[in-house]
Amino acid sequence: MCYLKDMGHWGPEISIMCTSVFFPSFFFAVRQEVMVQVAKNIVDVLGEEAPYFRNSVTNLMWELRMHMLYAGQGLEPGNL
């Protein structure tokens, strides 16, 4: 399962957590921050217009979350 942690439009606030259960007592957690630098660069370039652009960055993060969610489904015990 993947979810956004501390979602915001400032780069350092953005991180995505993914946890997949391989066995009943074993958890594999991956912290994915691919979009952190991208979002930070967007904010840096836009400067004072960053708040106006916030929703677009949020949409970008949501899209990535969905892709990771679908990718994570392939790692579940029943799909190994």
PDB file of N, CA and C in Angstrom:
ATOM      1  N   MET A   1       0.843  -1.179   0.000  1.00  0.00           N
ATOM      2  CA  MET A   1       0.000   0.000   0.000  1.00  0.00           C
ATOM      3  C   MET A   1       0.888   1.242   0.000  1.00  0.00           C
ATOM      4  N   CYS A   2       0.506   2.256  -0.746  1.00  0.00           N
ATOM      5  CA  CYS A   2       1.264   3.496  -0.808  1.00  0.00           C
ATOM      6  C   CYS A   2       0.381   4.649  -0.348  1.00  0.00           C
ATOM      7  N   TYR A   3       0.983   5.598   0.314  1.00  0.00           N
ATOM      8  CA  TYR A   3       0.229   6.767   0.722  1.00  0.00           C
ATOM      9  C   TYR A   3       1.158   7.967   0.831  1.00  0.00           C
ATOM     10  N   LEU A   4       0.593   9.156   0.713  1.00  0.00           N
ATOM     11  CA  LEU A   4       1.384  10.377   0.836  1.00  0.00           C
ATOM     12  C   LEU A   4       1.579  10.680   2.313  1.00  0.00           C
ATOM     13  N   LYS A   5       2.786  11.093   2.650  1.00  0.00           N
ATOM     14  CA  LYS A   5       3.090  11.460   4.026  1.00  0.00           C
ATOM     15  C   LYS A   5       3.450  12.932   4.061  1.00  0.00           C
ATOM     16  N   ASP A   6       2.795  13.689   4.919  1.00  0.00           N
ATOM     17  CA  ASP A   6       3.070  15.125   5.058  1.00  0.00           C
ATOM     18  C   ASP A   6       3.031  15.828   3.708  1.00  0.00           C
ATOM     19  N   MET A   7       1.961  15.606   2.952  1.00  0.00           N
ATOM     20  CA  MET A   7       1.876  16.206   1.631  1.00  0.00           C
ATOM     21  C   MET A   7       1.805  17.726   1.727  1.00  0.00           C
ATOM     22  N   GLY A   8       2.567  18.387   0.888  1.00  0.00           N
ATOM     23  CA  GLY A   8       2.554  19.833   0.823  1.00  0.00           C
ATOM     24  C   GLY A   8       3.178  20.254  -0.487  1.00  0.00           C
ATOM     25  N   HIS A   9       3.173  21.548  -0.772  1.00  0.00           N
ATOM     26  CA  HIS A   9       3.732  21.981  -2.049  1.00  0.00           C
ATOM     27  C   HIS A   9       5.197  22.373  -1.929  1.00  0.00           C
ATOM     28  N   TRP A  10       5.776  22.297  -0.734  1.00  0.00           N
ATOM     29  CA  TRP A  10       7.209  22.562  -0.581  1.00  0.00           C
ATOM     30  C   TRP A  10       7.937  21.227  -0.641  1.00  0.00           C
ATOM     31  N   GLY A  11       8.973  21.130  -1.442  1.00  0.00           N
ATOM     32  CA  GLY A  11       9.694  19.883  -1.685  1.00  0.00           C
ATOM     33  C   GLY A  11       9.936  19.004  -0.471  1.00  0.00           C
ATOM     34  N   PRO A  12      10.575  19.528   0.591  1.00  0.00           N
ATOM     35  CA  PRO A  12      10.914  18.684   1.744  1.00  0.00           C
ATOM     36  C   PRO A  12       9.712  18.068   2.444  1.00  0.00           C
ATOM     37  N   GLU A  13       8.527  18.640   2.231  1.00  0.00           N
ATOM     38  CA  GLU A  13       7.341  18.099   2.890  1.00  0.00           C
ATOM     39  C   GLU A  13       6.794  16.875   2.169  1.00  0.00           C
ATOM     40  N   ILE A  14       7.238  16.663   0.941  1.00  0.00           N
ATOM     41  CA  ILE A  14       6.630  15.625   0.114  1.00  0.00           C
ATOM     42  C   ILE A  14       7.398  14.313   0.208  1.00  0.00           C
ATOM     43  N   SER A  15       6.732  13.275   0.593  1.00  0.00           N
ATOM     44  CA  SER A  15       7.329  11.946   0.566  1.00  0.00           C
ATOM     45  C   SER A  15       6.207  10.939   0.398  1.00  0.00           C
ATOM     46  N   ILE A  16       6.537   9.804  -0.156  1.00  0.00           N
ATOM     47  CA  ILE A  16       5.545   8.761  -0.380  1.00  0.00           C
ATOM     48  C   ILE A  16       6.024   7.499   0.315  1.00  0.00           C
ATOM     49  N   MET A  17       5.167   6.909   1.108  1.00  0.00           N
ATOM     50  CA  MET A  17       5.512   5.694   1.824  1.00  0.00           C
ATOM     51  C   MET A  17       4.811   4.513   1.172  1.00  0.00           C
ATOM     52  N   CYS A  18       5.567   3.447   0.949  1.00  0.00           N
ATOM     53  CA  CYS A  18       4.988   2.220   0.395  1.00  0.00           C
ATOM     54  C   CYS A  18       5.334   1.059   1.309  1.00  0.00           C
ATOM     55  N   THR A  19       4.349   0.273   1.647  1.00  0.00           N
ATOM     56  CA  THR A  19       4.583  -0.911   2.458  1.00  0.00           C
ATOM     57  C   THR A  19       3.889  -2.092   1.794  1.00  0.00           C
ATOM     58  N   SER A  20       4.632  -3.162   1.586  1.00  0.00           N
ATOM     59  CA  SER A  20       4.060  -4.376   1.011  1.00  0.00           C
ATOM     60  C   SER A  20       4.313  -5.533   1.966  1.00  0.00           C
ATOM     61  N   VAL A  21       3.341  -6.380   2.124  1.00  0.00           N
ATOM     62  CA  VAL A  21       3.471  -7.531   3.010  1.00  0.00           C
ATOM     63  C   VAL A  21       3.837  -8.754   2.176  1.00  0.00           C
ATOM     64  N   PHE A  22       5.050  -9.278   2.387  1.00  0.00           N
ATOM     65  CA  PHE A  22       5.473 -10.466   1.655  1.00  0.00           C
ATOM     66  C   PHE A  22       5.049 -11.728   2.397  1.00  0.00           C
ATOM     67  N   PHE A  23       5.178 -11.720   3.707  1.00  0.00           N
ATOM     68  CA  PHE A  23       4.785 -12.842   4.550  1.00  0.00           C
ATOM     69  C   PHE A  23       4.045 -12.254   5.748  1.00  0.00           C
ATOM     70  N   PRO A  24       3.246 -13.051   6.455  1.00  0.00           N
ATOM     71  CA  PRO A  24       2.462 -12.519   7.573  1.00  0.00           C
ATOM     72  C   PRO A  24       3.281 -11.716   8.584  1.00  0.00           C
ATOM     73  N   SER A  25       4.521 -12.114   8.832  1.00  0.00           N
ATOM     74  CA  SER A  25       5.309 -11.427   9.859  1.00  0.00           C
ATOM     75  C   SER A  25       6.437 -10.584   9.278  1.00  0.00           C
ATOM     76  N   PHE A  26       6.427 -10.384   7.968  1.00  0.00           N
ATOM     77  CA  PHE A  26       7.525  -9.645   7.339  1.00  0.00           C
ATOM     78  C   PHE A  26       6.992  -8.492   6.506  1.00  0.00           C
ATOM     79  N   PHE A  27       7.479  -7.304   6.796  1.00  0.00           N
ATOM     80  CA  PHE A  27       7.042  -6.123   6.058  1.00  0.00           C
ATOM     81  C   PHE A  27       8.213  -5.505   5.316  1.00  0.00           C
ATOM     82  N   PHE A  28       7.965  -5.097   4.113  1.00  0.00           N
ATOM     83  CA  PHE A  28       8.992  -4.432   3.311  1.00  0.00           C
ATOM     84  C   PHE A  28       8.530  -3.002   3.079  1.00  0.00           C
ATOM     85  N   ALA A  29       9.254  -2.062   3.641  1.00  0.00           N
ATOM     86  CA  ALA A  29       8.857  -0.658   3.522  1.00  0.00           C
ATOM     87  C   ALA A  29       9.843   0.089   2.643  1.00  0.00           C
ATOM     88  N   VAL A  30       9.317   0.859   1.743  1.00  0.00           N
ATOM     89  CA  VAL A  30      10.150   1.653   0.844  1.00  0.00           C
ATOM     90  C   VAL A  30       9.709   3.108   0.922  1.00  0.00           C
ATOM     91  N   ARG A  31      10.640   3.968   1.167  1.00  0.00           N
ATOM     92  CA  ARG A  31      10.316   5.400   1.178  1.00  0.00           C
ATOM     93  C   ARG A  31      10.722   5.954  -0.171  1.00  0.00           C
ATOM     94  N   GLN A  32       9.757   6.391  -0.916  1.00  0.00           N
ATOM     95  CA  GLN A  32      10.003   6.854  -2.280  1.00  0.00           C
ATOM     96  C   GLN A  32       9.921   8.374  -2.327  1.00  0.00           C
ATOM     97  N   GLU A  33      11.007   9.015  -2.731  1.00  0.00           N
ATOM     98  CA  GLU A  33      11.017  10.473  -2.773  1.00  0.00           C
ATOM     99  C   GLU A  33      11.428  10.986  -4.146  1.00  0.00           C
ATOM    100  N   VAL A  34      11.065  10.250  -5.187  1.00  0.00           N
ATOM    101  CA  VAL A  34      11.434  10.638  -6.544  1.00  0.00           C
ATOM    102  C   VAL A  34      10.945  12.036  -6.877  1.00  0.00           C
ATOM    103  N   MET A  35       9.739  12.381  -6.413  1.00  0.00           N
ATOM    104  CA  MET A  35       9.144  13.649  -6.797  1.00  0.00           C
ATOM    105  C   MET A  35       9.565  14.827  -5.928  1.00  0.00           C
ATOM    106  N   VAL A  36      10.310  14.573  -4.859  1.00  0.00           N
ATOM    107  CA  VAL A  36      10.690  15.654  -3.953  1.00  0.00           C
ATOM    108  C   VAL A  36      11.477  16.733  -4.679  1.00  0.00           C
ATOM    109  N   GLN A  37      12.518  16.337  -5.392  1.00  0.00           N
ATOM    110  CA  GLN A  37      13.352  17.320  -6.076  1.00  0.00           C
ATOM    111  C   GLN A  37      12.592  18.008  -7.208  1.00  0.00           C
ATOM    112  N   VAL A  38      11.751  17.237  -7.893  1.00  0.00           N
ATOM    113  CA  VAL A  38      10.955  17.817  -8.976  1.00  0.00           C
ATOM    114  C   VAL A  38      10.049  18.914  -8.426  1.00  0.00           C
ATOM    115  N   ALA A  39       9.334  18.606  -7.351  1.00  0.00           N
ATOM    116  CA  ALA A  39       8.431  19.587  -6.756  1.00  0.00           C
ATOM    117  C   ALA A  39       9.202  20.793  -6.234  1.00  0.00           C
ATOM    118  N   LYS A  40      10.358  20.554  -5.642  1.00  0.00           N
ATOM    119  CA  LYS A  40      11.172  21.655  -5.114  1.00  0.00           C
ATOM    120  C   LYS A  40      11.630  22.568  -6.249  1.00  0.00           C
ATOM    121  N   ASN A  41      12.038  21.960  -7.355  1.00  0.00           N
ATOM    122  CA  ASN A  41      12.474  22.757  -8.506  1.00  0.00           C
ATOM    123  C   ASN A  41      11.332  23.594  -9.063  1.00  0.00           C
ATOM    124  N   ILE A  42      10.143  23.016  -9.113  1.00  0.00           N
ATOM    125  CA  ILE A  42       8.978  23.751  -9.610  1.00  0.00           C
ATOM    126  C   ILE A  42       8.736  24.978  -8.743  1.00  0.00           C
ATOM    127  N   VAL A  43       8.777  24.781  -7.423  1.00  0.00           N
ATOM    128  CA  VAL A  43       8.552  25.889  -6.499  1.00  0.00           C
ATOM    129  C   VAL A  43       9.652  26.934  -6.638  1.00  0.00           C
ATOM    130  N   ASP A  44      10.908  26.490  -6.762  1.00  0.00           N
ATOM    131  CA  ASP A  44      12.032  27.418  -6.900  1.00  0.00           C
ATOM    132  C   ASP A  44      11.899  28.274  -8.154  1.00  0.00           C
ATOM    133  N   VAL A  45      11.488  27.649  -9.246  1.00  0.00           N
ATOM    134  CA  VAL A  45      11.370  28.367 -10.518  1.00  0.00           C
ATOM    135  C   VAL A  45      10.218  29.368 -10.472  1.00  0.00           C
ATOM    136  N   LEU A  46       9.096  28.951  -9.888  1.00  0.00           N
ATOM    137  CA  LEU A  46       7.930  29.825  -9.853  1.00  0.00           C
ATOM    138  C   LEU A  46       8.048  30.947  -8.832  1.00  0.00           C
ATOM    139  N   GLY A  47       8.844  30.719  -7.800  1.00  0.00           N
ATOM    140  CA  GLY A  47       9.034  31.747  -6.785  1.00  0.00           C
ATOM    141  C   GLY A  47       7.734  32.164  -6.124  1.00  0.00           C
ATOM    142  N   GLU A  48       7.389  33.444  -6.267  1.00  0.00           N
ATOM    143  CA  GLU A  48       6.205  33.978  -5.598  1.00  0.00           C
ATOM    144  C   GLU A  48       4.906  33.393  -6.135  1.00  0.00           C
ATOM    145  N   GLU A  49       4.950  32.785  -7.307  1.00  0.00           N
ATOM    146  CA  GLU A  49       3.738  32.205  -7.877  1.00  0.00           C
ATOM    147  C   GLU A  49       3.517  30.772  -7.401  1.00  0.00           C
ATOM    148  N   ALA A  50       4.409  30.261  -6.577  1.00  0.00           N
ATOM    149  CA  ALA A  50       4.310  28.877  -6.118  1.00  0.00           C
ATOM    150  C   ALA A  50       2.959  28.539  -5.485  1.00  0.00           C
ATOM    151  N   PRO A  51       2.404  29.389  -4.603  1.00  0.00           N
ATOM    152  CA  PRO A  51       1.098  29.040  -4.011  1.00  0.00           C
ATOM    153  C   PRO A  51       0.012  28.835  -5.073  1.00  0.00           C
ATOM    154  N   TYR A  52       0.072  29.621  -6.147  1.00  0.00           N
ATOM    155  CA  TYR A  52      -0.906  29.486  -7.227  1.00  0.00           C
ATOM    156  C   TYR A  52      -0.749  28.138  -7.914  1.00  0.00           C
ATOM    157  N   PHE A  53       0.474  27.639  -7.954  1.00  0.00           N
ATOM    158  CA  PHE A  53       0.776  26.392  -8.649  1.00  0.00           C
ATOM    159  C   PHE A  53       0.604  25.174  -7.748  1.00  0.00           C
ATOM    160  N   ARG A  54       0.317  25.408  -6.488  1.00  0.00           N
ATOM    161  CA  ARG A  54       0.268  24.336  -5.497  1.00  0.00           C
ATOM    162  C   ARG A  54      -0.628  23.173  -5.916  1.00  0.00           C
ATOM    163  N   ASN A  55      -1.816  23.464  -6.432  1.00  0.00           N
ATOM    164  CA  ASN A  55      -2.749  22.401  -6.799  1.00  0.00           C
ATOM    165  C   ASN A  55      -2.198  21.505  -7.891  1.00  0.00           C
ATOM    166  N   SER A  56      -1.441  22.077  -8.830  1.00  0.00           N
ATOM    167  CA  SER A  56      -0.866  21.269  -9.901  1.00  0.00           C
ATOM    168  C   SER A  56       0.179  20.313  -9.354  1.00  0.00           C
ATOM    169  N   VAL A  57       0.974  20.774  -8.389  1.00  0.00           N
ATOM    170  CA  VAL A  57       1.976  19.904  -7.766  1.00  0.00           C
ATOM    171  C   VAL A  57       1.275  18.803  -6.994  1.00  0.00           C
ATOM    172  N   THR A  58       0.202  19.155  -6.303  1.00  0.00           N
ATOM    173  CA  THR A  58      -0.569  18.162  -5.557  1.00  0.00           C
ATOM    174  C   THR A  58      -1.136  17.109  -6.506  1.00  0.00           C
ATOM    175  N   ASN A  59      -1.641  17.540  -7.645  1.00  0.00           N
ATOM    176  CA  ASN A  59      -2.171  16.594  -8.635  1.00  0.00           C
ATOM    177  C   ASN A  59      -1.076  15.671  -9.142  1.00  0.00           C
ATOM    178  N   LEU A  60       0.125  16.225  -9.336  1.00  0.00           N
ATOM    179  CA  LEU A  60       1.260  15.426  -9.789  1.00  0.00           C
ATOM    180  C   LEU A  60       1.598  14.361  -8.751  1.00  0.00           C
ATOM    181  N   MET A  61       1.577  14.743  -7.475  1.00  0.00           N
ATOM    182  CA  MET A  61       1.865  13.795  -6.399  1.00  0.00           C
ATOM    183  C   MET A  61       0.785  12.716  -6.334  1.00  0.00           C
ATOM    184  N   TRP A  62      -0.472  13.110  -6.527  1.00  0.00           N
ATOM    185  CA  TRP A  62      -1.567  12.138  -6.482  1.00  0.00           C
ATOM    186  C   TRP A  62      -1.421  11.120  -7.606  1.00  0.00           C
ATOM    187  N   GLU A  63      -1.036  11.606  -8.790  1.00  0.00           N
ATOM    188  CA  GLU A  63      -0.846  10.712  -9.926  1.00  0.00           C
ATOM    189  C   GLU A  63       0.253   9.700  -9.628  1.00  0.00           C
ATOM    190  N   LEU A  64       1.360  10.167  -9.060  1.00  0.00           N
ATOM    191  CA  LEU A  64       2.466   9.271  -8.722  1.00  0.00           C
ATOM    192  C   LEU A  64       2.027   8.266  -7.668  1.00  0.00           C
ATOM    193  N   ARG A  65       1.241   8.724  -6.705  1.00  0.00           N
ATOM    194  CA  ARG A  65       0.742   7.829  -5.662  1.00  0.00           C
ATOM    195  C   ARG A  65      -0.061   6.688  -6.273  1.00  0.00           C
ATOM    196  N   MET A  66      -0.917   7.007  -7.237  1.00  0.00           N
ATOM    197  CA  MET A  66      -1.737   5.978  -7.861  1.00  0.00           C
ATOM    198  C   MET A  66      -0.883   4.975  -8.631  1.00  0.00           C
ATOM    199  N   HIS A  67       0.135   5.472  -9.330  1.00  0.00           N
ATOM    200  CA  HIS A  67       1.022   4.563 -10.051  1.00  0.00           C
ATOM    201  C   HIS A  67       1.728   3.619  -9.087  1.00  0.00           C
ATOM    202  N   MET A  68       2.174   4.148  -7.951  1.00  0.00           N
ATOM    203  CA  MET A  68       2.879   3.327  -6.970  1.00  0.00           C
ATOM    204  C   MET A  68       1.933   2.346  -6.302  1.00  0.00           C
ATOM    205  N   LEU A  69       0.698   2.764  -6.110  1.00  0.00           N
ATOM    206  CA  LEU A  69      -0.300   1.883  -5.513  1.00  0.00           C
ATOM    207  C   LEU A  69      -0.527   0.668  -6.406  1.00  0.00           C
ATOM    208  N   TYR A  70      -0.691   0.917  -7.708  1.00  0.00           N
ATOM    209  CA  TYR A  70      -0.890  -0.191  -8.640  1.00  0.00           C
ATOM    210  C   TYR A  70       0.352  -1.067  -8.725  1.00  0.00           C
ATOM    211  N   ALA A  71       1.528  -0.459  -8.700  1.00  0.00           N
ATOM    212  CA  ALA A  71       2.773  -1.228  -8.757  1.00  0.00           C
ATOM    213  C   ALA A  71       2.914  -2.085  -7.507  1.00  0.00           C
ATOM    214  N   GLY A  72       2.510  -1.532  -6.359  1.00  0.00           N
ATOM    215  CA  GLY A  72       2.614  -2.257  -5.100  1.00  0.00           C
ATOM    216  C   GLY A  72       1.704  -3.463  -5.034  1.00  0.00           C
ATOM    217  N   GLN A  73       0.617  -3.442  -5.774  1.00  0.00           N
ATOM    218  CA  GLN A  73      -0.314  -4.570  -5.756  1.00  0.00           C
ATOM    219  C   GLN A  73       0.347  -5.839  -6.282  1.00  0.00           C
ATOM    220  N   GLY A  74       1.314  -5.678  -7.163  1.00  0.00           N
ATOM    221  CA  GLY A  74       2.002  -6.841  -7.714  1.00  0.00           C
ATOM    222  C   GLY A  74       2.947  -7.496  -6.731  1.00  0.00           C
ATOM    223  N   LEU A  75       3.192  -6.836  -5.585  1.00  0.00           N
ATOM    224  CA  LEU A  75       4.122  -7.363  -4.597  1.00  0.00           C
ATOM    225  C   LEU A  75       3.422  -8.090  -3.458  1.00  0.00           C
ATOM    226  N   GLU A  76       2.112  -8.142  -3.495  1.00  0.00           N
ATOM    227  CA  GLU A  76       1.387  -8.800  -2.423  1.00  0.00           C
ATOM    228  C   GLU A  76       1.585 -10.306  -2.498  1.00  0.00           C
ATOM    229  N   PRO A  77       1.510 -11.005  -1.343  1.00  0.00           N
ATOM    230  CA  PRO A  77       1.772 -12.455  -1.291  1.00  0.00           C
ATOM    231  C   PRO A  77       1.035 -13.260  -2.344  1.00  0.00           C
ATOM    232  N   GLY A  78      -0.222 -12.938  -2.584  1.00  0.00           N
ATOM    233  CA  GLY A  78      -1.001 -13.695  -3.555  1.00  0.00           C
ATOM    234  C   GLY A  78      -0.532 -13.505  -4.987  1.00  0.00           C
ATOM    235  N   ASN A  79       0.248 -12.453  -5.230  1.00  0.00           N
ATOM    236  CA  ASN A  79       0.696 -12.158  -6.590  1.00  0.00           C
ATOM    237  C   ASN A  79       2.165 -12.463  -6.830  1.00  0.00           C
ATOM    238  N   LEU A  80       2.845 -13.048  -5.821  1.00  0.00           N
ATOM    239  CA  LEU A  80       4.275 -13.344  -5.986  1.00  0.00           C
ATOM    240  C   LEU A  80       4.492 -14.485  -6.954  1.00  0.00           C
TER     241      LEU A  80
END
